[in-house]
């Protein structure tokens, strides 16, 4: 075994020990460690939720993912703490940084993650909505750009089609353009 492989194995062993020490609070919440747990992924399982604490074998990044069993929703710790303190670590390449990263994950999940750890479907769905929000805003912006171009060209059929596809999100100006386009088509 090469020296790098031995060091890596020692870090994974240290990581596993840190996780089991710092995440023992999950035992009190009826979680158990999955028997198929490997040195770089420690899985805690309850009747509703799976918590995976992982240590990237190549990146050395330590992360936490919470999954809701029934709906198959998985959230990263970054999504759970969105809008609050950001993680101050990315990778852990020695025992001290492994310890610090695992400790920080425990602090974050105990502070922000209680509803997720309890399997609160509403908490998971609220995060999904914020995950989808940038995509929706981007789509709305693209449709608006196309509609404005069509409006300027006098292509009212296209304006109507585009605005009707996002009717529930229209601004007052967009509603006015839709109304005027419908009138132009019917003239």
N, C-alpha and C. Protein backbone atom coordinates (compact mmCIF):
# COMPACT_ATOMS: atom_id res chain seq x y z
N UNK A 1 0.84 -1.17 0.00
CA UNK A 1 0.00 0.00 0.00
C UNK A 1 0.89 1.24 0.00
N UNK A 2 0.60 2.21 -0.85
CA UNK A 2 1.42 3.41 -0.93
C UNK A 2 1.14 4.32 0.25
N UNK A 3 2.03 5.26 0.48
CA UNK A 3 1.91 6.20 1.57
C UNK A 3 0.63 7.04 1.44
N UNK A 4 0.30 7.51 0.22
CA UNK A 4 -0.91 8.30 0.00
C UNK A 4 -2.17 7.50 0.31
N UNK A 5 -2.16 6.24 -0.06
CA UNK A 5 -3.31 5.38 0.21
C UNK A 5 -3.49 5.19 1.71
N UNK A 6 -2.41 5.02 2.42
CA UNK A 6 -2.48 4.86 3.87
C UNK A 6 -2.99 6.13 4.53
N UNK A 7 -2.50 7.28 4.08
CA UNK A 7 -2.95 8.56 4.65
C UNK A 7 -4.44 8.75 4.37
N UNK A 8 -4.85 8.45 3.15
CA UNK A 8 -6.26 8.58 2.78
C UNK A 8 -7.13 7.67 3.66
N UNK A 9 -6.72 6.44 3.84
CA UNK A 9 -7.47 5.49 4.66
C UNK A 9 -7.54 5.97 6.11
N UNK A 10 -6.44 6.53 6.62
CA UNK A 10 -6.45 7.07 7.98
C UNK A 10 -7.44 8.22 8.10
N UNK A 11 -7.50 9.09 7.07
CA UNK A 11 -8.45 10.20 7.09
C UNK A 11 -9.89 9.70 7.07
N UNK A 12 -10.17 8.68 6.25
CA UNK A 12 -11.53 8.13 6.21
C UNK A 12 -11.90 7.51 7.54
N UNK A 13 -10.96 6.82 8.17
CA UNK A 13 -11.20 6.22 9.48
C UNK A 13 -11.45 7.32 10.51
N UNK A 14 -10.66 8.37 10.47
CA UNK A 14 -10.85 9.51 11.38
C UNK A 14 -12.21 10.16 11.13
N UNK A 15 -12.55 10.36 9.86
CA UNK A 15 -13.85 10.94 9.48
C UNK A 15 -14.99 10.12 10.07
N UNK A 16 -14.93 8.81 9.90
CA UNK A 16 -15.98 7.94 10.41
C UNK A 16 -16.12 8.09 11.91
N UNK A 17 -15.01 8.13 12.63
CA UNK A 17 -15.05 8.30 14.07
C UNK A 17 -15.64 9.65 14.47
N UNK A 18 -15.27 10.71 13.76
CA UNK A 18 -15.80 12.05 14.04
C UNK A 18 -17.31 12.10 13.83
N UNK A 19 -17.76 11.53 12.72
CA UNK A 19 -19.20 11.55 12.44
C UNK A 19 -19.95 10.79 13.53
N UNK A 20 -19.49 9.62 13.87
CA UNK A 20 -20.17 8.82 14.89
C UNK A 20 -20.17 9.54 16.24
N UNK A 21 -19.13 10.29 16.54
CA UNK A 21 -19.06 11.04 17.80
C UNK A 21 -19.99 12.24 17.77
N UNK A 22 -19.93 13.04 16.71
CA UNK A 22 -20.68 14.30 16.66
C UNK A 22 -22.15 14.13 16.28
N UNK A 23 -22.46 13.05 15.60
CA UNK A 23 -23.84 12.84 15.17
C UNK A 23 -24.57 11.82 16.04
N UNK A 24 -24.04 11.56 17.22
CA UNK A 24 -24.70 10.61 18.12
C UNK A 24 -26.05 11.13 18.61
N UNK A 25 -26.32 12.45 18.47
CA UNK A 25 -27.62 13.00 18.83
C UNK A 25 -28.74 12.38 17.99
N UNK A 26 -28.40 11.85 16.81
CA UNK A 26 -29.41 11.21 15.97
C UNK A 26 -29.92 9.90 16.59
N UNK A 27 -29.09 9.28 17.43
CA UNK A 27 -29.53 8.07 18.13
C UNK A 27 -30.76 8.36 18.98
N UNK A 28 -30.79 9.55 19.60
CA UNK A 28 -31.92 9.95 20.44
C UNK A 28 -33.16 10.28 19.61
N UNK A 29 -32.99 10.43 18.30
CA UNK A 29 -34.11 10.75 17.41
C UNK A 29 -34.54 9.52 16.62
N UNK A 30 -34.22 8.35 17.11
CA UNK A 30 -34.60 7.07 16.49
C UNK A 30 -33.95 6.84 15.13
N UNK A 31 -32.73 7.33 14.97
CA UNK A 31 -31.95 7.04 13.78
C UNK A 31 -30.99 5.90 14.11
N UNK A 32 -30.67 5.14 13.12
CA UNK A 32 -29.66 4.11 13.25
C UNK A 32 -28.70 4.21 12.08
N UNK A 33 -27.49 3.73 12.27
CA UNK A 33 -26.52 3.75 11.18
C UNK A 33 -26.79 2.58 10.25
N UNK A 34 -26.87 2.88 8.96
CA UNK A 34 -27.08 1.84 7.95
C UNK A 34 -25.88 0.89 7.98
N UNK A 35 -26.17 -0.38 8.01
CA UNK A 35 -25.11 -1.39 8.10
C UNK A 35 -24.22 -1.43 6.86
N UNK A 36 -24.70 -0.88 5.75
CA UNK A 36 -23.90 -0.85 4.53
C UNK A 36 -23.02 0.39 4.44
N UNK A 37 -22.93 1.13 5.53
CA UNK A 37 -22.12 2.34 5.57
C UNK A 37 -20.67 2.01 5.25
N UNK A 38 -20.07 2.88 4.41
CA UNK A 38 -18.65 2.74 4.06
C UNK A 38 -17.89 3.84 4.79
N UNK A 39 -16.57 3.77 4.78
CA UNK A 39 -15.76 4.75 5.48
C UNK A 39 -15.95 6.18 5.04
N UNK A 40 -16.33 6.40 3.80
CA UNK A 40 -16.47 7.77 3.30
C UNK A 40 -17.93 8.23 3.22
N UNK A 41 -18.88 7.36 3.48
CA UNK A 41 -20.29 7.76 3.55
C UNK A 41 -20.89 7.10 4.79
N UNK A 42 -21.35 7.92 5.71
CA UNK A 42 -22.01 7.41 6.90
C UNK A 42 -23.50 7.74 6.75
N UNK A 43 -24.34 6.72 6.74
CA UNK A 43 -25.78 6.89 6.54
C UNK A 43 -26.52 6.62 7.83
N UNK A 44 -27.31 7.60 8.24
CA UNK A 44 -28.21 7.46 9.37
C UNK A 44 -29.62 7.35 8.80
N UNK A 45 -30.38 6.39 9.31
CA UNK A 45 -31.70 6.12 8.75
C UNK A 45 -32.75 6.12 9.87
N UNK A 46 -33.85 6.82 9.61
CA UNK A 46 -35.03 6.74 10.48
C UNK A 46 -36.17 6.19 9.64
N UNK A 47 -37.37 6.15 10.19
CA UNK A 47 -38.49 5.63 9.41
C UNK A 47 -38.89 6.60 8.29
N UNK A 48 -38.51 7.90 8.39
CA UNK A 48 -38.90 8.88 7.38
C UNK A 48 -37.73 9.46 6.58
N UNK A 49 -36.55 9.47 7.17
CA UNK A 49 -35.46 10.26 6.62
C UNK A 49 -34.15 9.47 6.58
N UNK A 50 -33.31 9.81 5.59
CA UNK A 50 -31.95 9.29 5.51
C UNK A 50 -31.01 10.50 5.55
N UNK A 51 -30.01 10.45 6.42
CA UNK A 51 -29.00 11.49 6.52
C UNK A 51 -27.68 10.87 6.09
N UNK A 52 -27.09 11.39 5.02
CA UNK A 52 -25.79 10.93 4.55
C UNK A 52 -24.75 12.01 4.81
N UNK A 53 -23.74 11.64 5.59
CA UNK A 53 -22.60 12.51 5.79
C UNK A 53 -21.48 11.88 4.98
N UNK A 54 -20.91 12.63 4.05
CA UNK A 54 -19.94 12.02 3.12
C UNK A 54 -18.63 12.79 3.08
N UNK A 55 -17.61 12.06 2.71
CA UNK A 55 -16.25 12.59 2.58
C UNK A 55 -15.77 12.20 1.19
N UNK A 56 -15.65 13.19 0.31
CA UNK A 56 -15.28 12.93 -1.08
C UNK A 56 -13.93 12.25 -1.20
N UNK A 57 -13.92 11.12 -1.88
CA UNK A 57 -12.69 10.33 -2.01
C UNK A 57 -11.65 11.02 -2.88
N UNK A 58 -12.07 11.89 -3.75
CA UNK A 58 -11.12 12.61 -4.60
C UNK A 58 -11.02 14.07 -4.17
N UNK A 59 -12.17 14.71 -3.92
CA UNK A 59 -12.19 16.14 -3.59
C UNK A 59 -11.87 16.43 -2.13
N UNK A 60 -12.04 15.45 -1.27
CA UNK A 60 -11.89 15.61 0.18
C UNK A 60 -12.92 16.57 0.76
N UNK A 61 -14.01 16.82 0.03
CA UNK A 61 -15.08 17.67 0.54
C UNK A 61 -15.97 16.86 1.47
N UNK A 62 -16.36 17.49 2.54
CA UNK A 62 -17.26 16.85 3.50
C UNK A 62 -18.62 17.52 3.33
N UNK A 63 -19.66 16.72 3.19
CA UNK A 63 -20.98 17.26 2.92
C UNK A 63 -22.05 16.45 3.64
N UNK A 64 -23.24 17.00 3.66
CA UNK A 64 -24.38 16.34 4.29
C UNK A 64 -25.59 16.47 3.37
N UNK A 65 -26.28 15.36 3.17
CA UNK A 65 -27.50 15.34 2.35
C UNK A 65 -28.58 14.67 3.18
N UNK A 66 -29.76 15.30 3.21
CA UNK A 66 -30.92 14.72 3.90
C UNK A 66 -31.94 14.34 2.84
N UNK A 67 -32.43 13.11 2.91
CA UNK A 67 -33.41 12.62 1.94
C UNK A 67 -34.68 12.21 2.67
N UNK A 68 -35.80 12.59 2.09
CA UNK A 68 -37.10 12.18 2.60
C UNK A 68 -37.49 10.91 1.86
N UNK A 69 -37.67 9.83 2.60
CA UNK A 69 -37.88 8.52 1.98
C UNK A 69 -39.10 8.46 1.08
N UNK A 70 -40.26 8.88 1.56
CA UNK A 70 -41.51 8.70 0.81
C UNK A 70 -41.53 9.47 -0.50
N UNK A 71 -40.98 10.67 -0.51
CA UNK A 71 -41.07 11.48 -1.73
C UNK A 71 -39.78 11.49 -2.52
N UNK A 72 -38.75 10.85 -2.01
CA UNK A 72 -37.48 10.75 -2.72
C UNK A 72 -36.85 12.12 -2.98
N UNK A 73 -37.07 13.08 -2.06
CA UNK A 73 -36.47 14.41 -2.15
C UNK A 73 -35.16 14.37 -1.39
N UNK A 74 -34.10 14.88 -2.00
CA UNK A 74 -32.80 14.99 -1.34
C UNK A 74 -32.34 16.43 -1.35
N UNK A 75 -31.87 16.90 -0.20
CA UNK A 75 -31.41 18.28 -0.07
C UNK A 75 -30.00 18.31 0.50
N UNK A 76 -29.17 19.17 -0.06
CA UNK A 76 -27.85 19.41 0.48
C UNK A 76 -27.94 20.39 1.64
N UNK A 77 -26.98 20.33 2.53
CA UNK A 77 -26.97 21.23 3.68
C UNK A 77 -27.00 22.69 3.22
N UNK A 78 -26.36 23.01 2.10
CA UNK A 78 -26.36 24.37 1.59
C UNK A 78 -27.78 24.85 1.27
N UNK A 79 -28.62 23.96 0.81
CA UNK A 79 -30.00 24.33 0.50
C UNK A 79 -30.80 24.54 1.78
N UNK A 80 -30.51 23.76 2.78
CA UNK A 80 -31.23 23.87 4.05
C UNK A 80 -30.89 25.17 4.76
N UNK A 81 -29.64 25.61 4.67
CA UNK A 81 -29.22 26.82 5.38
C UNK A 81 -29.24 28.05 4.49
N UNK A 82 -29.79 27.94 3.29
CA UNK A 82 -29.80 29.05 2.33
C UNK A 82 -30.30 30.33 3.02
N UNK A 83 -29.58 31.39 2.80
CA UNK A 83 -29.96 32.66 3.39
C UNK A 83 -29.38 32.85 4.78
N UNK A 84 -28.73 31.85 5.30
CA UNK A 84 -28.09 31.99 6.61
C UNK A 84 -26.58 31.90 6.41
N UNK A 85 -25.88 31.61 7.46
CA UNK A 85 -24.42 31.50 7.37
C UNK A 85 -24.03 30.49 6.29
N UNK A 86 -23.03 30.83 5.53
CA UNK A 86 -22.53 29.90 4.53
C UNK A 86 -21.46 29.02 5.15
N UNK A 87 -21.28 27.85 4.60
CA UNK A 87 -20.23 26.96 5.08
C UNK A 87 -18.87 27.62 4.89
N UNK A 88 -18.01 27.42 5.85
CA UNK A 88 -16.69 28.04 5.80
C UNK A 88 -15.63 27.03 5.41
N UNK A 89 -16.01 25.87 4.97
CA UNK A 89 -15.04 24.85 4.61
C UNK A 89 -15.48 24.19 3.32
N UNK A 90 -14.56 23.70 2.58
CA UNK A 90 -14.87 22.93 1.39
C UNK A 90 -14.21 21.57 1.45
N UNK A 91 -12.92 21.58 1.71
CA UNK A 91 -12.25 20.29 1.75
C UNK A 91 -11.46 20.15 3.04
N UNK A 92 -11.28 18.92 3.44
CA UNK A 92 -10.58 18.60 4.68
C UNK A 92 -9.50 17.59 4.35
N UNK A 93 -8.26 18.02 4.48
CA UNK A 93 -7.15 17.16 4.05
C UNK A 93 -6.27 16.69 5.19
N UNK A 94 -6.69 16.98 6.43
CA UNK A 94 -5.97 16.45 7.59
C UNK A 94 -6.96 16.24 8.73
N UNK A 95 -6.52 15.63 9.79
CA UNK A 95 -7.44 15.28 10.88
C UNK A 95 -8.08 16.50 11.51
N UNK A 96 -7.37 17.59 11.64
CA UNK A 96 -7.92 18.80 12.25
C UNK A 96 -9.04 19.38 11.39
N UNK A 97 -8.81 19.47 10.08
CA UNK A 97 -9.85 20.04 9.21
C UNK A 97 -11.04 19.09 9.08
N UNK A 98 -10.80 17.79 9.17
CA UNK A 98 -11.91 16.83 9.18
C UNK A 98 -12.76 17.07 10.42
N UNK A 99 -12.13 17.17 11.56
CA UNK A 99 -12.83 17.41 12.83
C UNK A 99 -13.63 18.71 12.77
N UNK A 100 -13.00 19.77 12.27
CA UNK A 100 -13.67 21.07 12.17
C UNK A 100 -14.88 21.01 11.24
N UNK A 101 -14.73 20.35 10.10
CA UNK A 101 -15.82 20.27 9.13
C UNK A 101 -17.00 19.48 9.68
N UNK A 102 -16.72 18.35 10.30
CA UNK A 102 -17.81 17.53 10.86
C UNK A 102 -18.50 18.28 12.00
N UNK A 103 -17.72 18.96 12.83
CA UNK A 103 -18.30 19.76 13.92
C UNK A 103 -19.19 20.85 13.36
N UNK A 104 -18.73 21.53 12.31
CA UNK A 104 -19.52 22.59 11.68
C UNK A 104 -20.82 22.03 11.10
N UNK A 105 -20.76 20.86 10.46
CA UNK A 105 -21.99 20.24 9.94
C UNK A 105 -22.97 19.96 11.05
N UNK A 106 -22.48 19.47 12.16
CA UNK A 106 -23.37 19.19 13.30
C UNK A 106 -24.04 20.47 13.77
N UNK A 107 -23.27 21.54 13.90
CA UNK A 107 -23.83 22.82 14.34
C UNK A 107 -24.91 23.28 13.37
N UNK A 108 -24.61 23.21 12.07
CA UNK A 108 -25.57 23.67 11.07
C UNK A 108 -26.85 22.83 11.07
N UNK A 109 -26.70 21.52 11.14
CA UNK A 109 -27.90 20.66 11.05
C UNK A 109 -28.73 20.73 12.33
N UNK A 110 -28.08 20.89 13.47
CA UNK A 110 -28.87 21.01 14.71
C UNK A 110 -29.54 22.37 14.80
N UNK A 111 -28.93 23.39 14.19
CA UNK A 111 -29.52 24.72 14.24
C UNK A 111 -30.61 24.93 13.19
N UNK A 112 -30.37 24.47 11.97
CA UNK A 112 -31.29 24.73 10.86
C UNK A 112 -32.09 23.51 10.40
N UNK A 113 -31.71 22.33 10.83
CA UNK A 113 -32.27 21.14 10.21
C UNK A 113 -33.33 20.37 10.97
N UNK A 114 -33.76 20.85 12.13
CA UNK A 114 -34.72 20.08 12.93
C UNK A 114 -35.95 19.62 12.14
N UNK A 115 -36.63 20.52 11.40
CA UNK A 115 -37.81 20.05 10.67
C UNK A 115 -37.48 18.98 9.62
N UNK A 116 -36.31 19.08 9.04
CA UNK A 116 -35.89 18.11 8.01
C UNK A 116 -35.58 16.76 8.68
N UNK A 117 -34.88 16.81 9.80
CA UNK A 117 -34.56 15.59 10.53
C UNK A 117 -35.82 14.89 11.03
N UNK A 118 -36.87 15.68 11.31
CA UNK A 118 -38.15 15.12 11.76
C UNK A 118 -39.03 14.66 10.61
N UNK A 119 -38.58 14.88 9.36
CA UNK A 119 -39.34 14.42 8.20
C UNK A 119 -40.49 15.32 7.82
N UNK A 120 -40.41 16.61 8.14
CA UNK A 120 -41.48 17.56 7.83
C UNK A 120 -41.53 17.80 6.32
N UNK A 121 -42.53 17.25 5.67
CA UNK A 121 -42.66 17.36 4.21
C UNK A 121 -42.73 18.80 3.76
N UNK A 122 -43.38 19.68 4.55
CA UNK A 122 -43.50 21.09 4.18
C UNK A 122 -42.13 21.77 4.13
N UNK A 123 -41.25 21.43 5.05
CA UNK A 123 -39.90 22.00 5.05
C UNK A 123 -39.17 21.59 3.78
N UNK A 124 -39.27 20.34 3.40
CA UNK A 124 -38.62 19.86 2.18
C UNK A 124 -39.21 20.56 0.96
N UNK A 125 -40.52 20.66 0.90
CA UNK A 125 -41.17 21.28 -0.27
C UNK A 125 -40.85 22.76 -0.39
N UNK A 126 -40.72 23.45 0.74
CA UNK A 126 -40.35 24.87 0.70
C UNK A 126 -38.97 25.07 0.10
N UNK A 127 -38.04 24.19 0.43
CA UNK A 127 -36.70 24.29 -0.15
C UNK A 127 -36.77 23.98 -1.65
N UNK A 128 -37.59 23.01 -2.03
CA UNK A 128 -37.73 22.70 -3.46
C UNK A 128 -38.25 23.91 -4.23
N UNK A 129 -39.17 24.65 -3.63
CA UNK A 129 -39.70 25.85 -4.29
C UNK A 129 -38.60 26.87 -4.51
N UNK A 130 -37.74 27.08 -3.51
CA UNK A 130 -36.66 28.04 -3.69
C UNK A 130 -35.62 27.52 -4.67
N UNK A 131 -35.47 26.21 -4.76
CA UNK A 131 -34.55 25.61 -5.73
C UNK A 131 -35.06 25.87 -7.15
N UNK A 132 -36.36 25.83 -7.34
CA UNK A 132 -36.95 25.99 -8.66
C UNK A 132 -37.15 27.45 -9.05
N UNK A 133 -37.11 28.37 -8.08
CA UNK A 133 -37.37 29.79 -8.32
C UNK A 133 -36.44 30.41 -9.36
N UNK A 134 -35.11 30.22 -9.28
CA UNK A 134 -34.25 30.82 -10.31
C UNK A 134 -34.55 30.31 -11.72
N UNK A 135 -34.90 29.04 -11.83
CA UNK A 135 -35.22 28.47 -13.14
C UNK A 135 -36.48 29.13 -13.68
N UNK A 136 -37.49 29.26 -12.83
CA UNK A 136 -38.75 29.89 -13.25
C UNK A 136 -38.49 31.33 -13.67
N UNK A 137 -37.72 32.08 -12.88
CA UNK A 137 -37.43 33.48 -13.21
C UNK A 137 -36.69 33.59 -14.53
N UNK A 138 -35.75 32.67 -14.77
CA UNK A 138 -35.00 32.67 -16.03
C UNK A 138 -35.94 32.40 -17.20
N UNK A 139 -36.83 31.43 -17.03
CA UNK A 139 -37.79 31.11 -18.09
C UNK A 139 -38.71 32.29 -18.37
N UNK A 140 -39.18 32.96 -17.32
CA UNK A 140 -40.05 34.13 -17.49
C UNK A 140 -39.32 35.24 -18.23
N UNK A 141 -38.04 35.43 -17.91
CA UNK A 141 -37.25 36.46 -18.58
C UNK A 141 -37.10 36.15 -20.06
N UNK A 142 -36.83 34.90 -20.39
CA UNK A 142 -36.69 34.51 -21.80
C UNK A 142 -37.99 34.73 -22.57
N UNK A 143 -39.10 34.35 -21.97
CA UNK A 143 -40.40 34.53 -22.62
C UNK A 143 -40.69 36.01 -22.82
N UNK A 144 -40.36 36.83 -21.81
CA UNK A 144 -40.58 38.28 -21.94
C UNK A 144 -39.75 38.86 -23.07
N UNK A 145 -38.50 38.44 -23.18
CA UNK A 145 -37.63 38.93 -24.27
C UNK A 145 -38.22 38.58 -25.63
N UNK A 146 -38.69 37.34 -25.78
CA UNK A 146 -39.29 36.92 -27.05
C UNK A 146 -40.57 37.69 -27.33
N UNK A 147 -41.37 37.90 -26.29
CA UNK A 147 -42.64 38.62 -26.47
C UNK A 147 -42.40 40.07 -26.87
N UNK A 148 -41.41 40.71 -26.28
CA UNK A 148 -41.10 42.11 -26.62
C UNK A 148 -40.64 42.20 -28.07
N UNK A 149 -39.80 41.26 -28.50
CA UNK A 149 -39.36 41.25 -29.91
C UNK A 149 -40.55 41.07 -30.85
N UNK A 150 -41.42 40.13 -30.49
CA UNK A 150 -42.61 39.89 -31.32
C UNK A 150 -43.51 41.12 -31.33
N UNK A 151 -43.64 41.78 -30.20
CA UNK A 151 -44.46 43.00 -30.08
C UNK A 151 -43.92 44.09 -31.01
N UNK A 152 -42.60 44.27 -30.96
CA UNK A 152 -41.98 45.32 -31.79
C UNK A 152 -42.12 45.02 -33.28
N UNK A 153 -42.15 43.73 -33.65
CA UNK A 153 -42.30 43.33 -35.05
C UNK A 153 -43.76 43.30 -35.48
N UNK A 154 -44.67 43.46 -34.53
CA UNK A 154 -46.09 43.40 -34.86
C UNK A 154 -46.60 41.97 -35.03
N UNK A 155 -45.88 41.00 -34.50
CA UNK A 155 -46.28 39.59 -34.57
C UNK A 155 -47.16 39.28 -33.35
N UNK A 156 -48.42 39.70 -33.44
CA UNK A 156 -49.33 39.63 -32.29
C UNK A 156 -49.74 38.21 -31.93
N UNK A 157 -49.78 37.33 -32.91
CA UNK A 157 -50.09 35.93 -32.60
C UNK A 157 -49.04 35.34 -31.66
N UNK A 158 -47.77 35.65 -31.94
CA UNK A 158 -46.70 35.15 -31.08
C UNK A 158 -46.76 35.79 -29.70
N UNK A 159 -47.07 37.09 -29.65
CA UNK A 159 -47.19 37.78 -28.35
C UNK A 159 -48.26 37.10 -27.51
N UNK A 160 -49.39 36.82 -28.10
CA UNK A 160 -50.49 36.17 -27.39
C UNK A 160 -50.07 34.78 -26.90
N UNK A 161 -49.47 34.01 -27.77
CA UNK A 161 -49.06 32.65 -27.39
C UNK A 161 -48.06 32.68 -26.24
N UNK A 162 -47.08 33.57 -26.34
CA UNK A 162 -46.06 33.65 -25.28
C UNK A 162 -46.66 34.10 -23.95
N UNK A 163 -47.44 35.17 -23.97
CA UNK A 163 -47.99 35.69 -22.72
C UNK A 163 -49.03 34.75 -22.12
N UNK A 164 -49.79 34.06 -22.95
CA UNK A 164 -50.76 33.12 -22.39
C UNK A 164 -50.08 31.92 -21.74
N UNK A 165 -48.84 31.63 -22.16
CA UNK A 165 -48.13 30.51 -21.55
C UNK A 165 -47.66 30.83 -20.13
N UNK A 166 -47.63 32.13 -19.79
CA UNK A 166 -47.22 32.53 -18.44
C UNK A 166 -48.27 33.46 -17.81
N UNK A 167 -49.51 33.26 -18.15
CA UNK A 167 -50.58 34.18 -17.79
C UNK A 167 -50.63 34.52 -16.30
N UNK A 168 -50.37 33.53 -15.44
CA UNK A 168 -50.46 33.78 -13.99
C UNK A 168 -49.32 34.64 -13.46
N UNK A 169 -48.30 34.89 -14.27
CA UNK A 169 -47.13 35.67 -13.84
C UNK A 169 -47.03 37.03 -14.52
N UNK A 170 -48.01 37.42 -15.32
CA UNK A 170 -47.92 38.65 -16.09
C UNK A 170 -47.93 39.90 -15.23
N UNK A 171 -47.10 40.86 -15.63
CA UNK A 171 -47.10 42.18 -15.01
C UNK A 171 -48.22 42.99 -15.65
N UNK A 172 -48.58 44.13 -15.07
CA UNK A 172 -49.62 44.97 -15.71
C UNK A 172 -49.28 45.38 -17.14
N UNK A 173 -48.02 45.68 -17.41
CA UNK A 173 -47.62 46.05 -18.78
C UNK A 173 -47.79 44.87 -19.72
N UNK A 174 -47.41 43.69 -19.28
CA UNK A 174 -47.55 42.49 -20.11
C UNK A 174 -49.02 42.18 -20.35
N UNK A 175 -49.85 42.36 -19.35
CA UNK A 175 -51.30 42.14 -19.51
C UNK A 175 -51.87 43.11 -20.56
N UNK A 176 -51.39 44.36 -20.52
CA UNK A 176 -51.86 45.36 -21.48
C UNK A 176 -51.44 44.97 -22.90
N UNK A 177 -50.18 44.50 -23.05
CA UNK A 177 -49.71 44.05 -24.38
C UNK A 177 -50.53 42.86 -24.86
N UNK A 178 -50.83 41.95 -23.96
CA UNK A 178 -51.65 40.79 -24.33
C UNK A 178 -53.03 41.25 -24.81
N UNK A 179 -53.64 42.13 -24.04
CA UNK A 179 -54.96 42.63 -24.39
C UNK A 179 -54.95 43.35 -25.75
N UNK A 180 -53.95 44.20 -25.96
CA UNK A 180 -53.85 44.93 -27.24
C UNK A 180 -53.57 43.97 -28.39
N UNK A 181 -52.75 42.95 -28.15
CA UNK A 181 -52.45 41.97 -29.20
C UNK A 181 -53.70 41.19 -29.58
N UNK A 182 -54.50 40.82 -28.60
CA UNK A 182 -55.75 40.12 -28.89
C UNK A 182 -56.67 41.00 -29.73
N UNK A 183 -56.74 42.29 -29.41
CA UNK A 183 -57.55 43.22 -30.19
C UNK A 183 -57.06 43.32 -31.63
N UNK A 184 -55.74 43.42 -31.79
CA UNK A 184 -55.14 43.54 -33.14
C UNK A 184 -55.45 42.30 -33.97
N UNK A 185 -55.40 41.12 -33.32
CA UNK A 185 -55.67 39.88 -34.04
C UNK A 185 -57.13 39.83 -34.49
N UNK A 186 -58.03 40.33 -33.65
CA UNK A 186 -59.47 40.25 -33.94
C UNK A 186 -59.97 41.40 -34.83
N UNK A 187 -59.10 42.34 -35.19
CA UNK A 187 -59.53 43.44 -36.09
C UNK A 187 -59.63 43.02 -37.51
